[in-house]
N, C-alpha and C. Protein backbone atom coordinates (compact mmCIF):
# COMPACT_ATOMS: atom_id res chain seq x y z
N MET A 1 24.79 19.87 -34.16
CA MET A 1 26.22 19.95 -34.39
C MET A 1 26.56 19.62 -35.85
N LYS A 2 25.80 18.66 -36.44
CA LYS A 2 26.05 18.33 -37.85
C LYS A 2 25.78 19.52 -38.75
N THR A 3 24.72 20.29 -38.43
CA THR A 3 24.39 21.47 -39.22
C THR A 3 25.52 22.49 -39.14
N LEU A 4 26.05 22.74 -37.94
CA LEU A 4 27.15 23.68 -37.78
C LEU A 4 28.37 23.21 -38.56
N THR A 5 28.68 21.92 -38.49
CA THR A 5 29.83 21.38 -39.22
C THR A 5 29.65 21.57 -40.72
N ARG A 6 28.44 21.32 -41.22
CA ARG A 6 28.17 21.52 -42.65
C ARG A 6 28.32 22.99 -43.03
N GLN A 7 27.81 23.88 -42.17
CA GLN A 7 27.88 25.31 -42.46
C GLN A 7 29.33 25.79 -42.49
N LEU A 8 30.14 25.34 -41.54
CA LEU A 8 31.55 25.72 -41.54
C LEU A 8 32.28 25.13 -42.73
N ALA A 9 31.94 23.90 -43.12
CA ALA A 9 32.56 23.29 -44.30
C ALA A 9 32.18 24.09 -45.54
N LEU A 10 30.90 24.48 -45.65
CA LEU A 10 30.46 25.29 -46.78
C LEU A 10 31.18 26.64 -46.79
N ALA A 11 31.30 27.27 -45.64
CA ALA A 11 32.00 28.56 -45.56
C ALA A 11 33.46 28.41 -45.96
N THR A 12 34.10 27.34 -45.53
CA THR A 12 35.49 27.09 -45.91
C THR A 12 35.62 26.89 -47.41
N LEU A 13 34.69 26.14 -47.99
CA LEU A 13 34.69 25.89 -49.43
C LEU A 13 34.48 27.19 -50.20
N VAL A 14 33.49 27.99 -49.77
CA VAL A 14 33.22 29.28 -50.41
C VAL A 14 34.43 30.21 -50.27
N GLY A 15 35.01 30.24 -49.06
CA GLY A 15 36.19 31.07 -48.84
C GLY A 15 37.36 30.65 -49.71
N GLY A 16 37.58 29.36 -49.82
CA GLY A 16 38.65 28.85 -50.68
C GLY A 16 38.41 29.20 -52.13
N ALA A 17 37.16 29.04 -52.60
CA ALA A 17 36.83 29.39 -53.98
C ALA A 17 37.03 30.88 -54.22
N LEU A 18 36.62 31.69 -53.24
CA LEU A 18 36.81 33.13 -53.34
C LEU A 18 38.29 33.48 -53.48
N LEU A 19 39.12 32.87 -52.66
CA LEU A 19 40.55 33.17 -52.71
C LEU A 19 41.20 32.68 -53.99
N VAL A 20 40.75 31.52 -54.51
CA VAL A 20 41.27 31.03 -55.79
C VAL A 20 40.87 31.99 -56.90
N THR A 21 39.60 32.44 -56.87
CA THR A 21 39.10 33.37 -57.88
C THR A 21 39.87 34.68 -57.85
N THR A 22 40.13 35.20 -56.67
CA THR A 22 40.82 36.49 -56.57
C THR A 22 42.33 36.32 -56.55
N GLY A 23 42.81 35.10 -56.36
CA GLY A 23 44.24 34.87 -56.17
C GLY A 23 45.12 35.36 -57.31
N ALA A 24 44.64 35.21 -58.54
CA ALA A 24 45.46 35.62 -59.68
C ALA A 24 45.66 37.13 -59.72
N HIS A 25 44.71 37.87 -59.16
CA HIS A 25 44.76 39.32 -59.21
C HIS A 25 45.02 39.95 -57.84
N ALA A 26 45.04 39.13 -56.82
CA ALA A 26 45.02 39.67 -55.45
C ALA A 26 46.32 40.31 -55.03
N ALA A 27 46.20 41.50 -54.46
CA ALA A 27 47.33 42.14 -53.83
C ALA A 27 47.54 41.54 -52.44
N SER A 28 46.42 41.18 -51.78
CA SER A 28 46.50 40.49 -50.50
C SER A 28 45.19 39.77 -50.24
N SER A 29 45.27 38.72 -49.47
CA SER A 29 44.11 37.93 -49.09
C SER A 29 44.23 37.57 -47.62
N SER A 30 43.09 37.20 -47.01
CA SER A 30 43.14 36.82 -45.60
C SER A 30 42.06 35.80 -45.28
N LEU A 31 42.36 35.00 -44.27
CA LEU A 31 41.41 34.07 -43.66
C LEU A 31 41.31 34.44 -42.20
N ASP A 32 40.10 34.47 -41.66
CA ASP A 32 39.87 34.93 -40.29
C ASP A 32 38.94 33.96 -39.59
N LEU A 33 39.31 33.54 -38.39
CA LEU A 33 38.47 32.67 -37.57
C LEU A 33 38.42 33.24 -36.17
N ASN A 34 37.19 33.40 -35.62
CA ASN A 34 37.07 33.84 -34.24
C ASN A 34 36.02 33.03 -33.51
N LEU A 35 36.23 32.92 -32.20
CA LEU A 35 35.37 32.14 -31.34
C LEU A 35 34.93 32.98 -30.16
N GLY A 36 33.70 32.75 -29.71
CA GLY A 36 33.17 33.39 -28.51
C GLY A 36 32.48 32.34 -27.68
N PRO A 37 31.92 32.72 -26.55
CA PRO A 37 31.27 31.74 -25.69
C PRO A 37 30.09 31.03 -26.37
N ASP A 38 29.41 31.74 -27.28
CA ASP A 38 28.22 31.18 -27.94
C ASP A 38 28.32 31.19 -29.45
N ALA A 39 29.47 31.55 -30.02
CA ALA A 39 29.52 31.76 -31.47
C ALA A 39 30.86 31.38 -32.08
N VAL A 40 30.80 31.09 -33.37
CA VAL A 40 31.99 30.88 -34.18
C VAL A 40 31.77 31.64 -35.49
N GLN A 41 32.84 32.30 -35.99
CA GLN A 41 32.75 33.05 -37.23
C GLN A 41 33.97 32.76 -38.09
N PHE A 42 33.74 32.58 -39.39
CA PHE A 42 34.81 32.39 -40.36
C PHE A 42 34.62 33.39 -41.48
N GLU A 43 35.71 34.03 -41.93
CA GLU A 43 35.66 34.97 -43.04
C GLU A 43 36.85 34.75 -43.96
N ALA A 44 36.64 35.06 -45.24
CA ALA A 44 37.71 35.04 -46.23
C ALA A 44 37.59 36.32 -47.05
N ASN A 45 38.72 36.97 -47.33
CA ASN A 45 38.74 38.20 -48.10
C ASN A 45 39.92 38.19 -49.05
N GLY A 46 39.74 38.81 -50.20
CA GLY A 46 40.82 38.94 -51.17
C GLY A 46 40.66 40.20 -51.98
N GLU A 47 41.77 40.83 -52.33
CA GLU A 47 41.72 42.05 -53.15
C GLU A 47 41.61 41.67 -54.61
N LEU A 48 40.56 42.19 -55.27
CA LEU A 48 40.39 41.98 -56.71
C LEU A 48 41.39 42.81 -57.50
N ALA A 49 41.62 44.02 -57.03
CA ALA A 49 42.59 44.95 -57.59
C ALA A 49 43.07 45.79 -56.42
N HIS A 50 44.08 46.57 -56.65
CA HIS A 50 44.59 47.40 -55.56
C HIS A 50 43.48 48.30 -55.03
N GLY A 51 43.15 48.15 -53.73
CA GLY A 51 42.14 48.98 -53.10
C GLY A 51 40.71 48.50 -53.20
N ILE A 52 40.45 47.35 -53.85
CA ILE A 52 39.10 46.80 -53.97
C ILE A 52 39.11 45.36 -53.44
N ALA A 53 38.40 45.12 -52.34
CA ALA A 53 38.40 43.79 -51.70
C ALA A 53 37.01 43.15 -51.77
N LEU A 54 37.00 41.86 -52.09
CA LEU A 54 35.80 41.04 -52.10
C LEU A 54 35.93 40.03 -50.98
N GLY A 55 34.86 39.84 -50.21
CA GLY A 55 34.94 38.90 -49.10
C GLY A 55 33.60 38.30 -48.75
N GLY A 56 33.66 37.34 -47.84
CA GLY A 56 32.45 36.69 -47.38
C GLY A 56 32.71 35.92 -46.11
N GLY A 57 31.62 35.54 -45.44
CA GLY A 57 31.80 34.79 -44.21
C GLY A 57 30.50 34.28 -43.66
N VAL A 58 30.62 33.54 -42.56
CA VAL A 58 29.47 32.98 -41.88
C VAL A 58 29.69 33.09 -40.37
N LEU A 59 28.62 33.46 -39.66
CA LEU A 59 28.61 33.55 -38.20
C LEU A 59 27.51 32.62 -37.71
N HIS A 60 27.86 31.67 -36.84
CA HIS A 60 26.84 30.81 -36.23
C HIS A 60 26.84 31.09 -34.73
N SER A 61 25.66 31.38 -34.19
CA SER A 61 25.54 31.75 -32.79
C SER A 61 24.38 31.02 -32.13
N ASP A 62 24.61 30.60 -30.89
CA ASP A 62 23.58 30.04 -30.04
C ASP A 62 23.34 30.98 -28.85
N TYR A 63 23.50 32.30 -29.08
CA TYR A 63 23.42 33.27 -27.99
C TYR A 63 22.10 33.16 -27.23
N ARG A 64 21.00 33.21 -27.92
CA ARG A 64 19.69 32.99 -27.30
C ARG A 64 19.02 31.79 -27.94
N ASP A 65 18.94 31.79 -29.21
CA ASP A 65 18.43 30.69 -30.01
C ASP A 65 19.38 30.52 -31.18
N ASP A 66 19.05 29.61 -32.05
CA ASP A 66 19.92 29.28 -33.17
C ASP A 66 19.86 30.38 -34.24
N ALA A 67 21.02 30.88 -34.65
CA ALA A 67 21.10 31.90 -35.70
C ALA A 67 22.35 31.67 -36.53
N THR A 68 22.18 31.69 -37.85
CA THR A 68 23.31 31.64 -38.77
C THR A 68 23.19 32.83 -39.70
N ILE A 69 24.27 33.59 -39.81
CA ILE A 69 24.28 34.82 -40.59
C ILE A 69 25.41 34.72 -41.61
N TYR A 70 25.05 34.80 -42.89
CA TYR A 70 26.02 34.76 -43.98
C TYR A 70 26.19 36.18 -44.51
N HIS A 71 27.38 36.47 -45.04
CA HIS A 71 27.55 37.77 -45.69
C HIS A 71 28.55 37.68 -46.83
N ALA A 72 28.36 38.57 -47.81
CA ALA A 72 29.30 38.79 -48.91
C ALA A 72 29.44 40.29 -49.04
N GLN A 73 30.66 40.77 -49.25
CA GLN A 73 30.89 42.22 -49.26
C GLN A 73 31.89 42.63 -50.32
N LEU A 74 31.75 43.85 -50.77
CA LEU A 74 32.67 44.49 -51.70
C LEU A 74 33.04 45.83 -51.08
N LEU A 75 34.34 46.01 -50.78
CA LEU A 75 34.81 47.19 -50.06
C LEU A 75 35.95 47.88 -50.78
N GLY A 76 35.98 49.18 -50.64
CA GLY A 76 37.17 49.94 -50.99
C GLY A 76 38.06 49.95 -49.76
N VAL A 77 39.34 49.58 -49.90
CA VAL A 77 40.22 49.44 -48.74
C VAL A 77 41.51 50.25 -48.92
N GLN A 78 42.07 50.65 -47.78
CA GLN A 78 43.37 51.31 -47.77
C GLN A 78 44.13 50.81 -46.55
N ARG A 79 45.32 50.29 -46.78
CA ARG A 79 46.18 49.81 -45.69
C ARG A 79 47.54 50.46 -45.81
N ASN A 80 48.03 50.95 -44.68
CA ASN A 80 49.40 51.44 -44.61
C ASN A 80 49.89 51.27 -43.18
N ARG A 81 51.03 51.84 -42.84
CA ARG A 81 51.59 51.65 -41.49
C ARG A 81 50.77 52.33 -40.40
N ASP A 82 49.95 53.32 -40.79
CA ASP A 82 49.19 54.09 -39.81
C ASP A 82 47.77 53.60 -39.61
N ARG A 83 47.15 53.05 -40.67
CA ARG A 83 45.74 52.66 -40.57
C ARG A 83 45.38 51.56 -41.56
N ASP A 84 44.24 50.94 -41.27
CA ASP A 84 43.65 49.89 -42.10
C ASP A 84 42.16 50.21 -42.14
N VAL A 85 41.66 50.66 -43.31
CA VAL A 85 40.29 51.16 -43.42
C VAL A 85 39.61 50.52 -44.63
N GLY A 86 38.32 50.23 -44.49
CA GLY A 86 37.51 49.72 -45.60
C GLY A 86 36.08 50.21 -45.49
N VAL A 87 35.49 50.59 -46.63
CA VAL A 87 34.11 51.08 -46.67
C VAL A 87 33.44 50.50 -47.91
N GLY A 88 32.17 50.06 -47.75
CA GLY A 88 31.48 49.54 -48.92
C GLY A 88 30.14 48.90 -48.60
N ALA A 89 29.73 47.96 -49.47
CA ALA A 89 28.43 47.33 -49.40
C ALA A 89 28.57 45.87 -48.95
N ARG A 90 27.52 45.41 -48.24
CA ARG A 90 27.50 44.02 -47.76
C ARG A 90 26.09 43.47 -47.90
N TRP A 91 25.99 42.28 -48.51
CA TRP A 91 24.74 41.52 -48.51
C TRP A 91 24.78 40.61 -47.29
N THR A 92 23.76 40.67 -46.45
CA THR A 92 23.68 39.82 -45.26
C THR A 92 22.42 38.97 -45.36
N GLN A 93 22.59 37.66 -45.14
CA GLN A 93 21.48 36.71 -45.19
C GLN A 93 21.33 36.07 -43.81
N TYR A 94 20.13 36.19 -43.23
CA TYR A 94 19.84 35.67 -41.89
C TYR A 94 19.03 34.39 -41.98
N ASP A 95 19.44 33.38 -41.23
CA ASP A 95 18.70 32.13 -41.08
C ASP A 95 18.59 31.88 -39.57
N THR A 96 17.46 32.28 -38.97
CA THR A 96 17.34 32.27 -37.51
C THR A 96 16.03 31.63 -37.07
N ASP A 97 15.92 31.36 -35.79
CA ASP A 97 14.67 30.86 -35.22
C ASP A 97 13.60 31.94 -35.18
N TYR A 98 13.98 33.22 -35.31
CA TYR A 98 13.04 34.34 -35.28
C TYR A 98 12.49 34.68 -36.65
N GLY A 99 13.26 34.39 -37.70
CA GLY A 99 12.86 34.71 -39.06
C GLY A 99 14.04 34.54 -40.00
N ASN A 100 13.76 34.66 -41.28
CA ASN A 100 14.77 34.51 -42.32
C ASN A 100 14.67 35.68 -43.28
N GLY A 101 15.74 35.94 -43.98
CA GLY A 101 15.73 36.99 -44.99
C GLY A 101 17.10 37.59 -45.16
N GLY A 102 17.19 38.48 -46.12
CA GLY A 102 18.47 39.11 -46.40
C GLY A 102 18.29 40.53 -46.85
N GLY A 103 19.41 41.22 -47.00
CA GLY A 103 19.35 42.59 -47.46
C GLY A 103 20.72 43.18 -47.74
N LEU A 104 20.70 44.27 -48.47
CA LEU A 104 21.93 44.97 -48.84
C LEU A 104 22.14 46.12 -47.88
N GLY A 105 23.32 46.17 -47.29
CA GLY A 105 23.64 47.22 -46.34
C GLY A 105 24.94 47.91 -46.66
N LEU A 106 25.24 48.92 -45.88
CA LEU A 106 26.48 49.68 -46.01
C LEU A 106 27.22 49.68 -44.68
N GLY A 107 28.51 49.90 -44.75
CA GLY A 107 29.30 49.99 -43.53
C GLY A 107 30.77 49.91 -43.85
N GLY A 108 31.53 49.52 -42.83
CA GLY A 108 32.96 49.41 -43.02
C GLY A 108 33.69 49.14 -41.73
N TYR A 109 35.00 49.25 -41.80
CA TYR A 109 35.85 49.02 -40.64
C TYR A 109 36.97 50.05 -40.64
N GLY A 110 37.57 50.24 -39.48
CA GLY A 110 38.71 51.13 -39.37
C GLY A 110 39.57 50.77 -38.16
N TYR A 111 40.87 50.68 -38.38
CA TYR A 111 41.84 50.39 -37.32
C TYR A 111 43.00 51.36 -37.45
N VAL A 112 43.51 51.80 -36.32
CA VAL A 112 44.71 52.64 -36.31
C VAL A 112 45.80 51.90 -35.54
N TYR A 113 47.03 52.02 -36.04
CA TYR A 113 48.19 51.41 -35.39
C TYR A 113 48.75 52.39 -34.38
N LEU A 114 49.08 51.92 -33.21
CA LEU A 114 49.59 52.79 -32.16
C LEU A 114 51.06 53.12 -32.45
N PRO A 115 51.42 54.40 -32.51
CA PRO A 115 52.80 54.78 -32.85
C PRO A 115 53.83 54.21 -31.88
N GLN A 116 53.49 54.15 -30.58
CA GLN A 116 54.44 53.64 -29.59
C GLN A 116 54.58 52.11 -29.67
N MET A 117 53.56 51.43 -30.20
CA MET A 117 53.55 49.97 -30.34
C MET A 117 53.04 49.62 -31.73
N PRO A 118 53.90 49.64 -32.75
CA PRO A 118 53.43 49.50 -34.13
C PRO A 118 52.82 48.13 -34.46
N ASP A 119 52.98 47.14 -33.59
CA ASP A 119 52.35 45.84 -33.84
C ASP A 119 50.93 45.77 -33.29
N VAL A 120 50.47 46.82 -32.61
CA VAL A 120 49.13 46.85 -32.01
C VAL A 120 48.25 47.83 -32.78
N SER A 121 47.02 47.38 -33.08
CA SER A 121 46.03 48.26 -33.70
C SER A 121 44.71 48.12 -32.96
N VAL A 122 43.95 49.20 -32.91
CA VAL A 122 42.64 49.20 -32.26
C VAL A 122 41.63 49.83 -33.22
N GLY A 123 40.40 49.37 -33.13
CA GLY A 123 39.37 49.91 -34.00
C GLY A 123 38.10 49.09 -33.93
N GLY A 124 37.33 49.17 -34.99
CA GLY A 124 36.07 48.45 -35.00
C GLY A 124 35.45 48.43 -36.38
N TYR A 125 34.23 47.90 -36.42
CA TYR A 125 33.50 47.78 -37.68
C TYR A 125 32.01 47.88 -37.40
N GLY A 126 31.27 48.16 -38.46
CA GLY A 126 29.82 48.22 -38.36
C GLY A 126 29.19 48.15 -39.73
N PHE A 127 28.09 47.39 -39.85
CA PHE A 127 27.32 47.29 -41.08
C PHE A 127 25.84 47.35 -40.72
N TYR A 128 25.08 48.13 -41.48
CA TYR A 128 23.65 48.29 -41.23
C TYR A 128 22.88 48.00 -42.51
N THR A 129 21.82 47.21 -42.38
CA THR A 129 20.94 46.88 -43.49
C THR A 129 19.56 47.49 -43.21
N PRO A 130 19.16 48.55 -43.95
CA PRO A 130 17.86 49.17 -43.71
C PRO A 130 16.71 48.41 -44.38
N SER A 131 15.50 48.67 -43.94
CA SER A 131 14.34 47.92 -44.42
C SER A 131 14.04 48.14 -45.90
N VAL A 132 14.51 49.22 -46.48
CA VAL A 132 14.20 49.53 -47.87
C VAL A 132 14.86 48.54 -48.85
N VAL A 133 15.90 47.82 -48.42
CA VAL A 133 16.60 46.90 -49.32
C VAL A 133 16.67 45.48 -48.74
N THR A 134 15.58 45.02 -48.12
CA THR A 134 15.55 43.69 -47.54
C THR A 134 14.56 42.79 -48.26
N SER A 135 14.68 41.49 -47.99
CA SER A 135 13.79 40.50 -48.60
C SER A 135 13.25 39.56 -47.52
N SER A 136 12.21 38.85 -47.87
CA SER A 136 11.58 37.86 -47.00
C SER A 136 11.14 38.49 -45.68
N ASP A 137 11.44 37.85 -44.52
CA ASP A 137 10.97 38.33 -43.22
C ASP A 137 11.77 39.50 -42.64
N LEU A 138 12.94 39.80 -43.20
CA LEU A 138 13.84 40.78 -42.59
C LEU A 138 13.33 42.21 -42.76
N ASP A 139 13.25 42.95 -41.65
CA ASP A 139 12.97 44.39 -41.71
C ASP A 139 14.27 45.18 -41.76
N ASP A 140 15.17 44.94 -40.81
CA ASP A 140 16.49 45.56 -40.83
C ASP A 140 17.42 44.75 -39.92
N GLY A 141 18.71 45.03 -40.02
CA GLY A 141 19.68 44.31 -39.21
C GLY A 141 21.00 45.05 -39.15
N TYR A 142 21.82 44.66 -38.18
CA TYR A 142 23.14 45.27 -38.07
C TYR A 142 24.11 44.32 -37.37
N GLU A 143 25.39 44.60 -37.58
CA GLU A 143 26.48 43.95 -36.84
C GLU A 143 27.51 45.03 -36.55
N VAL A 144 27.93 45.13 -35.29
CA VAL A 144 28.96 46.08 -34.87
C VAL A 144 29.96 45.35 -33.97
N GLY A 145 31.18 45.85 -33.96
CA GLY A 145 32.18 45.25 -33.10
C GLY A 145 33.38 46.15 -32.90
N ILE A 146 34.11 45.88 -31.84
CA ILE A 146 35.38 46.57 -31.58
C ILE A 146 36.44 45.49 -31.34
N ARG A 147 37.68 45.81 -31.71
CA ARG A 147 38.76 44.84 -31.57
C ARG A 147 40.08 45.54 -31.24
N ALA A 148 40.93 44.80 -30.54
CA ALA A 148 42.33 45.17 -30.36
C ALA A 148 43.13 44.04 -30.98
N ARG A 149 44.00 44.39 -31.95
CA ARG A 149 44.75 43.38 -32.70
C ARG A 149 46.25 43.48 -32.38
N TYR A 150 46.91 42.33 -32.45
CA TYR A 150 48.37 42.29 -32.27
C TYR A 150 48.97 41.46 -33.40
N SER A 151 49.99 42.02 -34.08
CA SER A 151 50.67 41.31 -35.17
C SER A 151 51.79 40.45 -34.61
N PHE A 152 51.55 39.14 -34.53
CA PHE A 152 52.59 38.23 -34.06
C PHE A 152 53.70 38.09 -35.07
N THR A 153 53.34 38.06 -36.34
CA THR A 153 54.28 38.04 -37.46
C THR A 153 53.68 38.94 -38.54
N PRO A 154 54.40 39.22 -39.63
CA PRO A 154 53.80 40.03 -40.69
C PRO A 154 52.53 39.40 -41.30
N ASN A 155 52.36 38.08 -41.15
CA ASN A 155 51.21 37.40 -41.76
C ASN A 155 50.19 36.88 -40.77
N VAL A 156 50.40 37.05 -39.46
CA VAL A 156 49.48 36.49 -38.47
C VAL A 156 49.13 37.56 -37.42
N ASP A 157 47.83 37.86 -37.34
CA ASP A 157 47.30 38.77 -36.32
C ASP A 157 46.43 37.97 -35.37
N GLY A 158 46.54 38.26 -34.09
CA GLY A 158 45.59 37.75 -33.12
C GLY A 158 44.81 38.92 -32.57
N TYR A 159 43.59 38.69 -32.11
CA TYR A 159 42.80 39.80 -31.60
C TYR A 159 41.80 39.35 -30.55
N VAL A 160 41.36 40.31 -29.76
CA VAL A 160 40.25 40.14 -28.82
C VAL A 160 39.27 41.27 -29.13
N GLY A 161 37.99 41.01 -28.87
CA GLY A 161 37.01 42.03 -29.19
C GLY A 161 35.64 41.73 -28.62
N LEU A 162 34.72 42.61 -28.94
CA LEU A 162 33.31 42.48 -28.58
C LEU A 162 32.49 42.65 -29.84
N ARG A 163 31.40 41.86 -29.95
CA ARG A 163 30.55 41.93 -31.13
C ARG A 163 29.08 41.89 -30.70
N GLN A 164 28.24 42.59 -31.48
CA GLN A 164 26.79 42.45 -31.33
C GLN A 164 26.17 42.42 -32.71
N SER A 165 25.27 41.47 -32.91
CA SER A 165 24.53 41.34 -34.16
C SER A 165 23.05 41.22 -33.81
N ALA A 166 22.22 41.97 -34.52
CA ALA A 166 20.78 41.96 -34.23
C ALA A 166 20.01 42.17 -35.52
N ALA A 167 18.73 41.75 -35.49
CA ALA A 167 17.86 41.92 -36.65
C ALA A 167 16.42 42.05 -36.18
N ASP A 168 15.64 42.72 -37.01
CA ASP A 168 14.21 42.88 -36.77
C ASP A 168 13.48 42.17 -37.92
N PHE A 169 12.58 41.27 -37.58
CA PHE A 169 11.84 40.50 -38.57
C PHE A 169 10.36 40.90 -38.56
N ASP A 170 9.61 40.50 -39.58
CA ASP A 170 8.21 40.88 -39.75
C ASP A 170 7.27 40.31 -38.69
N ASN A 171 7.74 39.53 -37.77
CA ASN A 171 6.87 38.83 -36.83
C ASN A 171 6.46 39.68 -35.62
N ASP A 172 6.69 40.97 -35.65
CA ASP A 172 6.28 41.91 -34.59
C ASP A 172 6.90 41.63 -33.22
N ARG A 173 8.00 40.95 -33.17
CA ARG A 173 8.70 40.72 -31.89
C ARG A 173 9.72 41.81 -31.59
N GLY A 174 9.93 42.69 -32.52
CA GLY A 174 10.93 43.74 -32.33
C GLY A 174 12.32 43.25 -32.68
N THR A 175 13.30 44.09 -32.46
CA THR A 175 14.68 43.74 -32.77
C THR A 175 15.16 42.66 -31.80
N ARG A 176 15.76 41.61 -32.36
CA ARG A 176 16.27 40.50 -31.57
C ARG A 176 17.78 40.47 -31.66
N THR A 177 18.44 40.42 -30.52
CA THR A 177 19.89 40.26 -30.49
C THR A 177 20.20 38.81 -30.82
N LEU A 178 20.95 38.60 -31.90
CA LEU A 178 21.28 37.26 -32.36
C LEU A 178 22.62 36.78 -31.83
N ASP A 179 23.54 37.72 -31.57
CA ASP A 179 24.83 37.38 -30.99
C ASP A 179 25.36 38.60 -30.24
N ARG A 180 25.91 38.35 -29.06
CA ARG A 180 26.54 39.42 -28.28
C ARG A 180 27.58 38.79 -27.39
N GLY A 181 28.76 39.40 -27.35
CA GLY A 181 29.76 38.92 -26.42
C GLY A 181 31.17 39.09 -26.89
N ALA A 182 32.07 38.59 -26.07
CA ALA A 182 33.50 38.67 -26.35
C ALA A 182 33.90 37.63 -27.39
N GLN A 183 35.01 37.89 -28.04
CA GLN A 183 35.54 36.97 -29.03
C GLN A 183 37.06 37.03 -29.01
N VAL A 184 37.66 35.94 -29.41
CA VAL A 184 39.10 35.87 -29.61
C VAL A 184 39.30 35.25 -30.99
N GLY A 185 40.26 35.80 -31.75
CA GLY A 185 40.41 35.31 -33.11
C GLY A 185 41.82 35.42 -33.64
N VAL A 186 41.99 34.85 -34.81
CA VAL A 186 43.26 34.90 -35.52
C VAL A 186 42.98 35.16 -37.00
N ARG A 187 43.83 35.99 -37.61
CA ARG A 187 43.71 36.31 -39.04
C ARG A 187 45.04 36.00 -39.72
N LEU A 188 44.98 35.22 -40.79
CA LEU A 188 46.15 34.89 -41.59
C LEU A 188 46.10 35.70 -42.87
N SER A 189 47.17 36.41 -43.19
CA SER A 189 47.25 37.22 -44.40
C SER A 189 48.32 36.64 -45.32
N PHE A 190 48.04 36.66 -46.62
CA PHE A 190 49.02 36.16 -47.61
C PHE A 190 48.85 36.87 -48.92
């Protein structure tokens, strides 16, 4: 539990530093926290310039064994009344009982707002790290998820979703699911 507390404190510190760094130039920033039966995830994102977002986060899961997954990403983003879309690169670093390592991947997210219910959006995200750009024990990895979001206020979204994160390490055990399951979360935008 002390390790998890330290990791969340570090993620909060990194997220705060990220937002301070981008704050002078940011068109928008957000903090995101979600919980699942076996996992907790924290993310911070801020726009460096209009349409360019820098972000990072940490996911800690006890789904099967202990796994902590860090990421930093740079995305091109577009938000309007109809959709919220981002595409770009993500560095993912794995610290797990199965192996350790990191790599550069590609992916993004996309949500559409329902015309009949403009406060509701549905969509998902996915990032894949292929073996050609990995380090240490990591062969490849991915994280995918789907979410339904509701805007309680212009600055607060709540959501429910499903997530799966997996990685393949050099230890010949094959791809290991590091986190899978439902999540509930809140995102603050400013």
